[in-house]
Amino acid sequence: MNRKTLCALLVSMSLCGCGTMDNLNGARGPTRVYGGVRQDMREVAVGNRAAVLDIPASAIGDTVTLPVAVGRKLTETR
């Protein structure tokens, strides 16, 4: 793998999962279960086609962080 390909891969990986990160840090409201994917779908609906690229990464990130999101939702409703 050449250097340019490696750099492009690292940059693209660092940009993925933004919806999940926004969901977990509360940037767009309270934490929601699969909130990253939901946010990406909202972005696609308003015409941001680049958000389509983030959906798979957000789905993986939301699945990995599902215990955190569920825990926050459970403590939020009490």
PDB file of N, CA and C in Angstrom:
ATOM      1  N   MET A   1       0.856  -1.166   0.000  1.00  0.00           N
ATOM      2  CA  MET A   1       0.000   0.000   0.000  1.00  0.00           C
ATOM      3  C   MET A   1       0.906   1.234   0.000  1.00  0.00           C
ATOM      4  N   ASN A   2       0.639   2.133  -0.932  1.00  0.00           N
ATOM      5  CA  ASN A   2       1.494   3.315  -0.982  1.00  0.00           C
ATOM      6  C   ASN A   2       1.058   4.358   0.048  1.00  0.00           C
ATOM      7  N   ARG A   3       1.869   5.350   0.170  1.00  0.00           N
ATOM      8  CA  ARG A   3       1.672   6.365   1.214  1.00  0.00           C
ATOM      9  C   ARG A   3       0.390   7.177   1.016  1.00  0.00           C
ATOM     10  N   LYS A   4       0.071   7.539  -0.225  1.00  0.00           N
ATOM     11  CA  LYS A   4      -1.139   8.334  -0.492  1.00  0.00           C
ATOM     12  C   LYS A   4      -2.400   7.541  -0.158  1.00  0.00           C
ATOM     13  N   THR A   5      -2.401   6.274  -0.493  1.00  0.00           N
ATOM     14  CA  THR A   5      -3.554   5.431  -0.188  1.00  0.00           C
ATOM     15  C   THR A   5      -3.731   5.289   1.315  1.00  0.00           C
ATOM     16  N   LEU A   6      -2.642   5.112   2.019  1.00  0.00           N
ATOM     17  CA  LEU A   6      -2.711   4.997   3.469  1.00  0.00           C
ATOM     18  C   LEU A   6      -3.241   6.278   4.102  1.00  0.00           C
ATOM     19  N   CYS A   7      -2.761   7.419   3.641  1.00  0.00           N
ATOM     20  CA  CYS A   7      -3.243   8.706   4.171  1.00  0.00           C
ATOM     21  C   CYS A   7      -4.723   8.903   3.887  1.00  0.00           C
ATOM     22  N   ALA A   8      -5.156   8.567   2.668  1.00  0.00           N
ATOM     23  CA  ALA A   8      -6.575   8.697   2.321  1.00  0.00           C
ATOM     24  C   ALA A   8      -7.433   7.783   3.186  1.00  0.00           C
ATOM     25  N   LEU A   9      -6.958   6.587   3.437  1.00  0.00           N
ATOM     26  CA  LEU A   9      -7.684   5.643   4.270  1.00  0.00           C
ATOM     27  C   LEU A   9      -7.795   6.147   5.706  1.00  0.00           C
ATOM     28  N   LEU A  10      -6.725   6.661   6.244  1.00  0.00           N
ATOM     29  CA  LEU A  10      -6.746   7.183   7.617  1.00  0.00           C
ATOM     30  C   LEU A  10      -7.668   8.389   7.757  1.00  0.00           C
ATOM     31  N   VAL A  11      -7.645   9.279   6.774  1.00  0.00           N
ATOM     32  CA  VAL A  11      -8.519  10.461   6.819  1.00  0.00           C
ATOM     33  C   VAL A  11      -9.976  10.032   6.740  1.00  0.00           C
ATOM     34  N   SER A  12     -10.287   9.115   5.821  1.00  0.00           N
ATOM     35  CA  SER A  12     -11.680   8.687   5.691  1.00  0.00           C
ATOM     36  C   SER A  12     -12.158   7.957   6.941  1.00  0.00           C
ATOM     37  N   MET A  13     -11.302   7.176   7.568  1.00  0.00           N
ATOM     38  CA  MET A  13     -11.694   6.485   8.794  1.00  0.00           C
ATOM     39  C   MET A  13     -11.893   7.462   9.946  1.00  0.00           C
ATOM     40  N   SER A  14     -11.145   8.533   9.979  1.00  0.00           N
ATOM     41  CA  SER A  14     -11.295   9.494  11.065  1.00  0.00           C
ATOM     42  C   SER A  14     -12.576  10.303  10.933  1.00  0.00           C
ATOM     43  N   LEU A  15     -13.116  10.386   9.726  1.00  0.00           N
ATOM     44  CA  LEU A  15     -14.339  11.145   9.513  1.00  0.00           C
ATOM     45  C   LEU A  15     -15.598  10.307   9.698  1.00  0.00           C
ATOM     46  N   CYS A  16     -15.454   9.009   9.812  1.00  0.00           N
ATOM     47  CA  CYS A  16     -16.608   8.118   9.920  1.00  0.00           C
ATOM     48  C   CYS A  16     -17.110   8.041  11.354  1.00  0.00           C
ATOM     49  N   GLY A  17     -18.409   7.823  11.474  1.00  0.00           N
ATOM     50  CA  GLY A  17     -19.005   7.663  12.792  1.00  0.00           C
ATOM     51  C   GLY A  17     -19.304   8.977  13.479  1.00  0.00           C
ATOM     52  N   CYS A  18     -19.367  10.056  12.724  1.00  0.00           N
ATOM     53  CA  CYS A  18     -19.615  11.371  13.320  1.00  0.00           C
ATOM     54  C   CYS A  18     -20.985  11.436  13.985  1.00  0.00           C
ATOM     55  N   GLY A  19     -21.978  10.781  13.392  1.00  0.00           N
ATOM     56  CA  GLY A  19     -23.305  10.771  13.991  1.00  0.00           C
ATOM     57  C   GLY A  19     -23.303  10.124  15.360  1.00  0.00           C
ATOM     58  N   THR A  20     -22.565   9.057  15.507  1.00  0.00           N
ATOM     59  CA  THR A  20     -22.461   8.372  16.799  1.00  0.00           C
ATOM     60  C   THR A  20     -21.796   9.268  17.832  1.00  0.00           C
ATOM     61  N   MET A  21     -20.728   9.918  17.433  1.00  0.00           N
ATOM     62  CA  MET A  21     -20.021  10.788  18.373  1.00  0.00           C
ATOM     63  C   MET A  21     -20.910  11.953  18.811  1.00  0.00           C
ATOM     64  N   ASP A  22     -21.643  12.550  17.859  1.00  0.00           N
ATOM     65  CA  ASP A  22     -22.580  13.623  18.217  1.00  0.00           C
ATOM     66  C   ASP A  22     -23.652  13.115  19.168  1.00  0.00           C
ATOM     67  N   ASN A  23     -24.121  11.908  18.939  1.00  0.00           N
ATOM     68  CA  ASN A  23     -25.155  11.329  19.791  1.00  0.00           C
ATOM     69  C   ASN A  23     -24.642  11.131  21.214  1.00  0.00           C
ATOM     70  N   LEU A  24     -23.442  10.609  21.349  1.00  0.00           N
ATOM     71  CA  LEU A  24     -22.915  10.299  22.676  1.00  0.00           C
ATOM     72  C   LEU A  24     -22.507  11.537  23.473  1.00  0.00           C
ATOM     73  N   ASN A  25     -22.031  12.566  22.787  1.00  0.00           N
ATOM     74  CA  ASN A  25     -21.610  13.749  23.544  1.00  0.00           C
ATOM     75  C   ASN A  25     -22.724  14.769  23.709  1.00  0.00           C
ATOM     76  N   GLY A  26     -23.921  14.464  23.205  1.00  0.00           N
ATOM     77  CA  GLY A  26     -25.066  15.344  23.413  1.00  0.00           C
ATOM     78  C   GLY A  26     -25.055  16.584  22.563  1.00  0.00           C
ATOM     79  N   ALA A  27     -24.314  16.579  21.466  1.00  0.00           N
ATOM     80  CA  ALA A  27     -24.220  17.769  20.614  1.00  0.00           C
ATOM     81  C   ALA A  27     -25.548  18.133  19.970  1.00  0.00           C
ATOM     82  N   ARG A  28     -26.403  17.159  19.767  1.00  0.00           N
ATOM     83  CA  ARG A  28     -27.688  17.424  19.100  1.00  0.00           C
ATOM     84  C   ARG A  28     -28.866  16.978  19.959  1.00  0.00           C
ATOM     85  N   GLY A  29     -28.742  17.115  21.241  1.00  0.00           N
ATOM     86  CA  GLY A  29     -29.825  16.746  22.137  1.00  0.00           C
ATOM     87  C   GLY A  29     -29.454  15.547  22.982  1.00  0.00           C
ATOM     88  N   PRO A  30     -30.437  14.988  23.674  1.00  0.00           N
ATOM     89  CA  PRO A  30     -30.159  13.844  24.550  1.00  0.00           C
ATOM     90  C   PRO A  30     -29.734  12.611  23.749  1.00  0.00           C
ATOM     91  N   THR A  31     -29.018  11.721  24.406  1.00  0.00           N
ATOM     92  CA  THR A  31     -28.563  10.479  23.781  1.00  0.00           C
ATOM     93  C   THR A  31     -29.755   9.617  23.428  1.00  0.00           C
ATOM     94  N   ARG A  32     -29.763   9.105  22.188  1.00  0.00           N
ATOM     95  CA  ARG A  32     -30.832   8.234  21.719  1.00  0.00           C
ATOM     96  C   ARG A  32     -30.241   6.906  21.275  1.00  0.00           C
ATOM     97  N   VAL A  33     -31.016   5.847  21.375  1.00  0.00           N
ATOM     98  CA  VAL A  33     -30.590   4.547  20.875  1.00  0.00           C
ATOM     99  C   VAL A  33     -30.509   4.651  19.349  1.00  0.00           C
ATOM    100  N   TYR A  34     -29.368   4.274  18.803  1.00  0.00           N
ATOM    101  CA  TYR A  34     -29.060   4.400  17.375  1.00  0.00           C
ATOM    102  C   TYR A  34     -29.253   5.843  16.891  1.00  0.00           C
ATOM    103  N   GLY A  35     -28.891   6.775  17.724  1.00  0.00           N
ATOM    104  CA  GLY A  35     -29.012   8.187  17.398  1.00  0.00           C
ATOM    105  C   GLY A  35     -28.083   8.630  16.284  1.00  0.00           C
ATOM    106  N   GLY A  36     -26.947   7.971  16.124  1.00  0.00           N
ATOM    107  CA  GLY A  36     -26.021   8.324  15.050  1.00  0.00           C
ATOM    108  C   GLY A  36     -26.601   8.025  13.687  1.00  0.00           C
ATOM    109  N   VAL A  37     -27.212   6.859  13.550  1.00  0.00           N
ATOM    110  CA  VAL A  37     -27.845   6.491  12.287  1.00  0.00           C
ATOM    111  C   VAL A  37     -29.043   7.391  12.029  1.00  0.00           C
ATOM    112  N   ARG A  38     -29.798   7.679  13.061  1.00  0.00           N
ATOM    113  CA  ARG A  38     -30.957   8.576  12.905  1.00  0.00           C
ATOM    114  C   ARG A  38     -30.515   9.954  12.418  1.00  0.00           C
ATOM    115  N   GLN A  39     -29.432  10.457  13.007  1.00  0.00           N
ATOM    116  CA  GLN A  39     -28.927  11.771  12.595  1.00  0.00           C
ATOM    117  C   GLN A  39     -28.454  11.745  11.146  1.00  0.00           C
ATOM    118  N   ASP A  40     -27.758  10.699  10.769  1.00  0.00           N
ATOM    119  CA  ASP A  40     -27.303  10.576   9.381  1.00  0.00           C
ATOM    120  C   ASP A  40     -28.481  10.526   8.418  1.00  0.00           C
ATOM    121  N   MET A  41     -29.528   9.802   8.776  1.00  0.00           N
ATOM    122  CA  MET A  41     -30.713   9.721   7.912  1.00  0.00           C
ATOM    123  C   MET A  41     -31.391  11.082   7.789  1.00  0.00           C
ATOM    124  N   ARG A  42     -31.417  11.846   8.874  1.00  0.00           N
ATOM    125  CA  ARG A  42     -31.974  13.210   8.797  1.00  0.00           C
ATOM    126  C   ARG A  42     -31.150  14.074   7.859  1.00  0.00           C
ATOM    127  N   GLU A  43     -29.833  13.932   7.945  1.00  0.00           N
ATOM    128  CA  GLU A  43     -28.946  14.702   7.064  1.00  0.00           C
ATOM    129  C   GLU A  43     -29.178  14.343   5.591  1.00  0.00           C
ATOM    130  N   VAL A  44     -29.362  13.065   5.311  1.00  0.00           N
ATOM    131  CA  VAL A  44     -29.633  12.626   3.940  1.00  0.00           C
ATOM    132  C   VAL A  44     -30.968  13.196   3.469  1.00  0.00           C
ATOM    133  N   ALA A  45     -31.966  13.217   4.350  1.00  0.00           N
ATOM    134  CA  ALA A  45     -33.293  13.710   3.993  1.00  0.00           C
ATOM    135  C   ALA A  45     -33.283  15.188   3.617  1.00  0.00           C
ATOM    136  N   VAL A  46     -32.389  15.966   4.212  1.00  0.00           N
ATOM    137  CA  VAL A  46     -32.322  17.392   3.874  1.00  0.00           C
ATOM    138  C   VAL A  46     -31.359  17.675   2.729  1.00  0.00           C
ATOM    139  N   GLY A  47     -30.808  16.620   2.135  1.00  0.00           N
ATOM    140  CA  GLY A  47     -29.994  16.806   0.941  1.00  0.00           C
ATOM    141  C   GLY A  47     -28.494  16.662   1.107  1.00  0.00           C
ATOM    142  N   ASN A  48     -28.020  16.301   2.281  1.00  0.00           N
ATOM    143  CA  ASN A  48     -26.589  16.110   2.490  1.00  0.00           C
ATOM    144  C   ASN A  48     -26.223  14.693   2.075  1.00  0.00           C
ATOM    145  N   ARG A  49     -25.876  14.519   0.810  1.00  0.00           N
ATOM    146  CA  ARG A  49     -25.600  13.182   0.283  1.00  0.00           C
ATOM    147  C   ARG A  49     -24.335  12.572   0.865  1.00  0.00           C
ATOM    148  N   ALA A  50     -23.439  13.382   1.362  1.00  0.00           N
ATOM    149  CA  ALA A  50     -22.202  12.858   1.945  1.00  0.00           C
ATOM    150  C   ALA A  50     -22.479  12.058   3.217  1.00  0.00           C
ATOM    151  N   ALA A  51     -23.587  12.313   3.870  1.00  0.00           N
ATOM    152  CA  ALA A  51     -23.934  11.595   5.095  1.00  0.00           C
ATOM    153  C   ALA A  51     -24.200  10.119   4.826  1.00  0.00           C
ATOM    154  N   VAL A  52     -24.508   9.766   3.580  1.00  0.00           N
ATOM    155  CA  VAL A  52     -24.727   8.358   3.229  1.00  0.00           C
ATOM    156  C   VAL A  52     -23.470   7.546   3.521  1.00  0.00           C
ATOM    157  N   LEU A  53     -22.314   8.149   3.323  1.00  0.00           N
ATOM    158  CA  LEU A  53     -21.051   7.456   3.566  1.00  0.00           C
ATOM    159  C   LEU A  53     -20.830   7.154   5.048  1.00  0.00           C
ATOM    160  N   ASP A  54     -21.456   7.930   5.903  1.00  0.00           N
ATOM    161  CA  ASP A  54     -21.265   7.773   7.346  1.00  0.00           C
ATOM    162  C   ASP A  54     -22.223   6.765   7.969  1.00  0.00           C
ATOM    163  N   ILE A  55     -23.273   6.389   7.271  1.00  0.00           N
ATOM    164  CA  ILE A  55     -24.291   5.509   7.846  1.00  0.00           C
ATOM    165  C   ILE A  55     -23.721   4.161   8.287  1.00  0.00           C
ATOM    166  N   PRO A  56     -22.932   3.453   7.461  1.00  0.00           N
ATOM    167  CA  PRO A  56     -22.394   2.170   7.940  1.00  0.00           C
ATOM    168  C   PRO A  56     -21.503   2.310   9.174  1.00  0.00           C
ATOM    169  N   ALA A  57     -20.657   3.326   9.198  1.00  0.00           N
ATOM    170  CA  ALA A  57     -19.781   3.524  10.355  1.00  0.00           C
ATOM    171  C   ALA A  57     -20.587   3.888  11.595  1.00  0.00           C
ATOM    172  N   SER A  58     -21.619   4.703  11.416  1.00  0.00           N
ATOM    173  CA  SER A  58     -22.466   5.057  12.553  1.00  0.00           C
ATOM    174  C   SER A  58     -23.250   3.849  13.052  1.00  0.00           C
ATOM    175  N   ALA A  59     -23.667   2.977  12.141  1.00  0.00           N
ATOM    176  CA  ALA A  59     -24.384   1.768  12.555  1.00  0.00           C
ATOM    177  C   ALA A  59     -23.487   0.878  13.405  1.00  0.00           C
ATOM    178  N   ILE A  60     -22.250   0.736  12.994  1.00  0.00           N
ATOM    179  CA  ILE A  60     -21.291  -0.056  13.775  1.00  0.00           C
ATOM    180  C   ILE A  60     -21.015   0.628  15.110  1.00  0.00           C
ATOM    181  N   GLY A  61     -20.770   1.923  15.066  1.00  0.00           N
ATOM    182  CA  GLY A  61     -20.496   2.661  16.293  1.00  0.00           C
ATOM    183  C   GLY A  61     -21.671   2.652  17.254  1.00  0.00           C
ATOM    184  N   ASP A  62     -22.885   2.793  16.713  1.00  0.00           N
ATOM    185  CA  ASP A  62     -24.077   2.757  17.565  1.00  0.00           C
ATOM    186  C   ASP A  62     -24.275   1.382  18.191  1.00  0.00           C
ATOM    187  N   THR A  63     -23.948   0.323  17.443  1.00  0.00           N
ATOM    188  CA  THR A  63     -24.081  -1.028  17.981  1.00  0.00           C
ATOM    189  C   THR A  63     -23.067  -1.271  19.097  1.00  0.00           C
ATOM    190  N   VAL A  64     -21.850  -0.823  18.890  1.00  0.00           N
ATOM    191  CA  VAL A  64     -20.804  -0.999  19.905  1.00  0.00           C
ATOM    192  C   VAL A  64     -21.122  -0.199  21.162  1.00  0.00           C
ATOM    193  N   THR A  65     -21.678   0.986  20.998  1.00  0.00           N
ATOM    194  CA  THR A  65     -21.970   1.851  22.141  1.00  0.00           C
ATOM    195  C   THR A  65     -23.414   1.712  22.632  1.00  0.00           C
ATOM    196  N   LEU A  66     -24.107   0.692  22.170  1.00  0.00           N
ATOM    197  CA  LEU A  66     -25.499   0.484  22.573  1.00  0.00           C
ATOM    198  C   LEU A  66     -25.675   0.381  24.091  1.00  0.00           C
ATOM    199  N   PRO A  67     -24.806  -0.330  24.813  1.00  0.00           N
ATOM    200  CA  PRO A  67     -24.977  -0.368  26.277  1.00  0.00           C
ATOM    201  C   PRO A  67     -24.899   1.022  26.924  1.00  0.00           C
ATOM    202  N   VAL A  68     -24.063   1.883  26.398  1.00  0.00           N
ATOM    203  CA  VAL A  68     -23.953   3.244  26.939  1.00  0.00           C
ATOM    204  C   VAL A  68     -25.239   4.018  26.683  1.00  0.00           C
ATOM    205  N   ALA A  69     -25.742   3.947  25.453  1.00  0.00           N
ATOM    206  CA  ALA A  69     -26.958   4.680  25.100  1.00  0.00           C
ATOM    207  C   ALA A  69     -28.162   4.180  25.892  1.00  0.00           C
ATOM    208  N   VAL A  70     -28.281   2.868  26.028  1.00  0.00           N
ATOM    209  CA  VAL A  70     -29.407   2.301  26.784  1.00  0.00           C
ATOM    210  C   VAL A  70     -29.294   2.697  28.256  1.00  0.00           C
ATOM    211  N   GLY A  71     -28.102   2.631  28.799  1.00  0.00           N
ATOM    212  CA  GLY A  71     -27.898   3.036  30.193  1.00  0.00           C
ATOM    213  C   GLY A  71     -28.278   4.486  30.429  1.00  0.00           C
ATOM    214  N   ARG A  72     -27.914   5.349  29.511  1.00  0.00           N
ATOM    215  CA  ARG A  72     -28.274   6.765  29.645  1.00  0.00           C
ATOM    216  C   ARG A  72     -29.772   6.973  29.535  1.00  0.00           C
ATOM    217  N   LYS A  73     -30.412   6.250  28.614  1.00  0.00           N
ATOM    218  CA  LYS A  73     -31.870   6.368  28.474  1.00  0.00           C
ATOM    219  C   LYS A  73     -32.590   5.875  29.716  1.00  0.00           C
ATOM    220  N   LEU A  74     -32.101   4.795  30.320  1.00  0.00           N
ATOM    221  CA  LEU A  74     -32.741   4.256  31.519  1.00  0.00           C
ATOM    222  C   LEU A  74     -32.607   5.204  32.704  1.00  0.00           C
ATOM    223  N   THR A  75     -31.446   5.826  32.864  1.00  0.00           N
ATOM    224  CA  THR A  75     -31.270   6.760  33.981  1.00  0.00           C
ATOM    225  C   THR A  75     -31.973   8.080  33.702  1.00  0.00           C
ATOM    226  N   GLU A  76     -32.191   8.397  32.455  1.00  0.00           N
ATOM    227  CA  GLU A  76     -32.874   9.629  32.070  1.00  0.00           C
ATOM    228  C   GLU A  76     -34.358   9.570  32.413  1.00  0.00           C
ATOM    229  N   THR A  77     -34.971   8.412  32.312  1.00  0.00           N
ATOM    230  CA  THR A  77     -36.408   8.292  32.528  1.00  0.00           C
ATOM    231  C   THR A  77     -36.792   8.164  33.998  1.00  0.00           C
ATOM    232  N   ARG A  78     -35.831   7.995  34.864  1.00  0.00           N
ATOM    233  CA  ARG A  78     -36.147   7.855  36.299  1.00  0.00           C
ATOM    234  C   ARG A  78     -36.349   9.175  36.942  1.00  0.00           C
TER     235      ARG A  78
END
